[in-house]
Amino acid sequence: MEHKCAHCAKKKERTEKEYKDLINRLNRIEGQVRGVKNMVENDAYCMDIITQASAVAAALNSFNKVLLSNHIKTCVVDNIREGNDEVVDELITMLKKSMK
């Protein structure tokens, strides 16, 4: 199963298990976001909305951790073994952006 990188011609082949896990996580997050939207539309109490929004943020963080772990174990390791150290700079740049 091939998936194209949004900003370049790079591709990542994921196992069926990895693909399904990521999609399932995203589907749950999408449902949580819809739930938060419904809470706002239905004038729910602010603290209840914040609690649910925090759960969404935690779920997205968890998704990112799984994706990053898979990326390091496969793409980064494979590139380094092939002599392409640029992947490390790419990873560092991404981490700096995501940790602002």
C-alpha atoms as a PDB file:
ATOM      1  CA  MET A   1       0.000   0.000   0.000  1.00  0.00           C
ATOM      2  CA  GLU A   2       1.689   3.233  -1.156  1.00  0.00           C
ATOM      3  CA  HIS A   3       0.903   6.702   0.154  1.00  0.00           C
ATOM      4  CA  LYS A   4       2.375   9.870  -1.320  1.00  0.00           C
ATOM      5  CA  CYS A   5       3.940  12.560   0.790  1.00  0.00           C
ATOM      6  CA  ALA A   6       1.908  15.778   0.482  1.00  0.00           C
ATOM      7  CA  HIS A   7       4.847  18.091  -0.266  1.00  0.00           C
ATOM      8  CA  CYS A   8       7.132  15.993  -2.434  1.00  0.00           C
ATOM      9  CA  ALA A   9       7.573  12.854  -4.491  1.00  0.00           C
ATOM     10  CA  LYS A  10       8.564  10.763  -1.455  1.00  0.00           C
ATOM     11  CA  LYS A  11       6.478   7.701  -0.725  1.00  0.00           C
ATOM     12  CA  LYS A  12       5.956   5.500   2.281  1.00  0.00           C
ATOM     13  CA  GLU A  13       4.877   1.909   1.999  1.00  0.00           C
ATOM     14  CA  ARG A  14       2.952   0.968   5.117  1.00  0.00           C
ATOM     15  CA  THR A  15       1.938  -2.475   6.231  1.00  0.00           C
ATOM     16  CA  GLU A  16      -1.788  -3.140   6.207  1.00  0.00           C
ATOM     17  CA  LYS A  17      -1.736  -3.217  10.023  1.00  0.00           C
ATOM     18  CA  GLU A  18       0.073   0.134  10.286  1.00  0.00           C
ATOM     19  CA  TYR A  19      -2.264   1.719   7.726  1.00  0.00           C
ATOM     20  CA  LYS A  20      -5.405   0.467   9.491  1.00  0.00           C
ATOM     21  CA  ASP A  21      -4.126   1.592  12.898  1.00  0.00           C
ATOM     22  CA  LEU A  22      -3.403   5.120  11.651  1.00  0.00           C
ATOM     23  CA  ILE A  23      -6.762   5.403   9.861  1.00  0.00           C
ATOM     24  CA  ASN A  24      -8.633   4.090  12.917  1.00  0.00           C
ATOM     25  CA  ARG A  25      -6.880   6.634  15.135  1.00  0.00           C
ATOM     26  CA  LEU A  26      -7.736   9.447  12.708  1.00  0.00           C
ATOM     27  CA  ASN A  27     -11.366   8.312  12.490  1.00  0.00           C
ATOM     28  CA  ARG A  28     -11.638   8.415  16.298  1.00  0.00           C
ATOM     29  CA  ILE A  29     -10.038  11.870  16.395  1.00  0.00           C
ATOM     30  CA  GLU A  30     -12.386  13.093  13.673  1.00  0.00           C
ATOM     31  CA  GLY A  31     -15.331  11.841  15.730  1.00  0.00           C
ATOM     32  CA  GLN A  32     -14.001  13.580  18.822  1.00  0.00           C
ATOM     33  CA  VAL A  33     -13.649  16.869  16.917  1.00  0.00           C
ATOM     34  CA  ARG A  34     -17.225  16.574  15.664  1.00  0.00           C
ATOM     35  CA  GLY A  35     -18.292  15.972  19.259  1.00  0.00           C
ATOM     36  CA  VAL A  36     -16.551  19.146  20.408  1.00  0.00           C
ATOM     37  CA  LYS A  37     -18.184  21.082  17.573  1.00  0.00           C
ATOM     38  CA  ASN A  38     -21.591  19.751  18.625  1.00  0.00           C
ATOM     39  CA  MET A  39     -20.889  20.797  22.193  1.00  0.00           C
ATOM     40  CA  VAL A  40     -20.164  24.359  21.039  1.00  0.00           C
ATOM     41  CA  GLU A  41     -23.259  24.383  18.829  1.00  0.00           C
ATOM     42  CA  ASN A  42     -25.371  23.171  21.769  1.00  0.00           C
ATOM     43  CA  ASP A  43     -23.964  25.764  24.181  1.00  0.00           C
ATOM     44  CA  ALA A  44     -22.255  23.224  26.426  1.00  0.00           C
ATOM     45  CA  TYR A  45     -20.439  24.410  29.532  1.00  0.00           C
ATOM     46  CA  CYS A  46     -16.964  25.824  28.758  1.00  0.00           C
ATOM     47  CA  MET A  47     -15.088  23.465  31.069  1.00  0.00           C
ATOM     48  CA  ASP A  48     -16.770  20.442  29.484  1.00  0.00           C
ATOM     49  CA  ILE A  49     -15.720  21.645  26.030  1.00  0.00           C
ATOM     50  CA  ILE A  50     -12.163  22.286  27.220  1.00  0.00           C
ATOM     51  CA  THR A  51     -12.008  18.796  28.718  1.00  0.00           C
ATOM     52  CA  GLN A  52     -13.082  17.243  25.417  1.00  0.00           C
ATOM     53  CA  ALA A  53     -10.764  19.487  23.378  1.00  0.00           C
ATOM     54  CA  SER A  54      -7.886  18.400  25.624  1.00  0.00           C
ATOM     55  CA  ALA A  55      -8.783  14.777  24.898  1.00  0.00           C
ATOM     56  CA  VAL A  56      -8.618  15.555  21.160  1.00  0.00           C
ATOM     57  CA  ALA A  57      -5.189  17.146  21.599  1.00  0.00           C
ATOM     58  CA  ALA A  58      -3.968  14.098  23.547  1.00  0.00           C
ATOM     59  CA  ALA A  59      -5.294  11.740  20.863  1.00  0.00           C
ATOM     60  CA  LEU A  60      -3.561  13.745  18.134  1.00  0.00           C
ATOM     61  CA  ASN A  61      -0.358  13.732  20.177  1.00  0.00           C
ATOM     62  CA  SER A  62      -0.622   9.967  20.478  1.00  0.00           C
ATOM     63  CA  PHE A  63      -1.163   9.678  16.708  1.00  0.00           C
ATOM     64  CA  ASN A  64       1.953  11.785  16.094  1.00  0.00           C
ATOM     65  CA  LYS A  65       4.020   9.650  18.473  1.00  0.00           C
ATOM     66  CA  VAL A  66       3.015   6.442  16.677  1.00  0.00           C
ATOM     67  CA  LEU A  67       3.671   7.956  13.249  1.00  0.00           C
ATOM     68  CA  LEU A  68       7.017   9.422  14.320  1.00  0.00           C
ATOM     69  CA  SER A  69       8.100   6.151  15.905  1.00  0.00           C
ATOM     70  CA  ASN A  70       7.239   4.237  12.728  1.00  0.00           C
ATOM     71  CA  HIS A  71       9.039   6.866  10.637  1.00  0.00           C
ATOM     72  CA  ILE A  72      12.223   6.640  12.691  1.00  0.00           C
ATOM     73  CA  LYS A  73      12.205   2.817  12.734  1.00  0.00           C
ATOM     74  CA  THR A  74      11.740   2.571   8.972  1.00  0.00           C
ATOM     75  CA  CYS A  75      12.386   5.642   6.827  1.00  0.00           C
ATOM     76  CA  VAL A  76      15.126   7.205   8.953  1.00  0.00           C
ATOM     77  CA  VAL A  77      16.965   3.947   9.633  1.00  0.00           C
ATOM     78  CA  ASP A  78      16.731   2.838   5.989  1.00  0.00           C
ATOM     79  CA  ASN A  79      17.976   6.196   4.708  1.00  0.00           C
ATOM     80  CA  ILE A  80      20.917   6.250   7.114  1.00  0.00           C
ATOM     81  CA  ARG A  81      21.865   2.693   6.098  1.00  0.00           C
ATOM     82  CA  GLU A  82      21.819   3.857   2.471  1.00  0.00           C
ATOM     83  CA  GLY A  83      24.133   6.762   3.326  1.00  0.00           C
ATOM     84  CA  ASN A  84      21.454   9.464   3.165  1.00  0.00           C
ATOM     85  CA  ASP A  85      22.018  11.512   6.314  1.00  0.00           C
ATOM     86  CA  GLU A  86      19.761  14.327   5.037  1.00  0.00           C
ATOM     87  CA  VAL A  87      16.820  12.474   6.562  1.00  0.00           C
ATOM     88  CA  VAL A  88      18.207  13.344  10.013  1.00  0.00           C
ATOM     89  CA  ASP A  89      18.208  17.067   9.186  1.00  0.00           C
ATOM     90  CA  GLU A  90      14.646  16.719   7.860  1.00  0.00           C
ATOM     91  CA  LEU A  91      13.600  15.048  11.121  1.00  0.00           C
ATOM     92  CA  ILE A  92      15.284  17.719  13.258  1.00  0.00           C
ATOM     93  CA  THR A  93      13.623  20.508  11.256  1.00  0.00           C
ATOM     94  CA  MET A  94      10.220  18.867  11.656  1.00  0.00           C
ATOM     95  CA  LEU A  95      10.729  18.368  15.405  1.00  0.00           C
ATOM     96  CA  LYS A  96      11.720  22.021  15.852  1.00  0.00           C
ATOM     97  CA  LYS A  97       8.566  23.146  14.011  1.00  0.00           C
ATOM     98  CA  SER A  98       6.295  20.819  15.962  1.00  0.00           C
ATOM     99  CA  MET A  99       7.723  21.785  19.350  1.00  0.00           C
ATOM    100  CA  LYS A 100       7.105  25.530  19.080  1.00  0.00           C
END
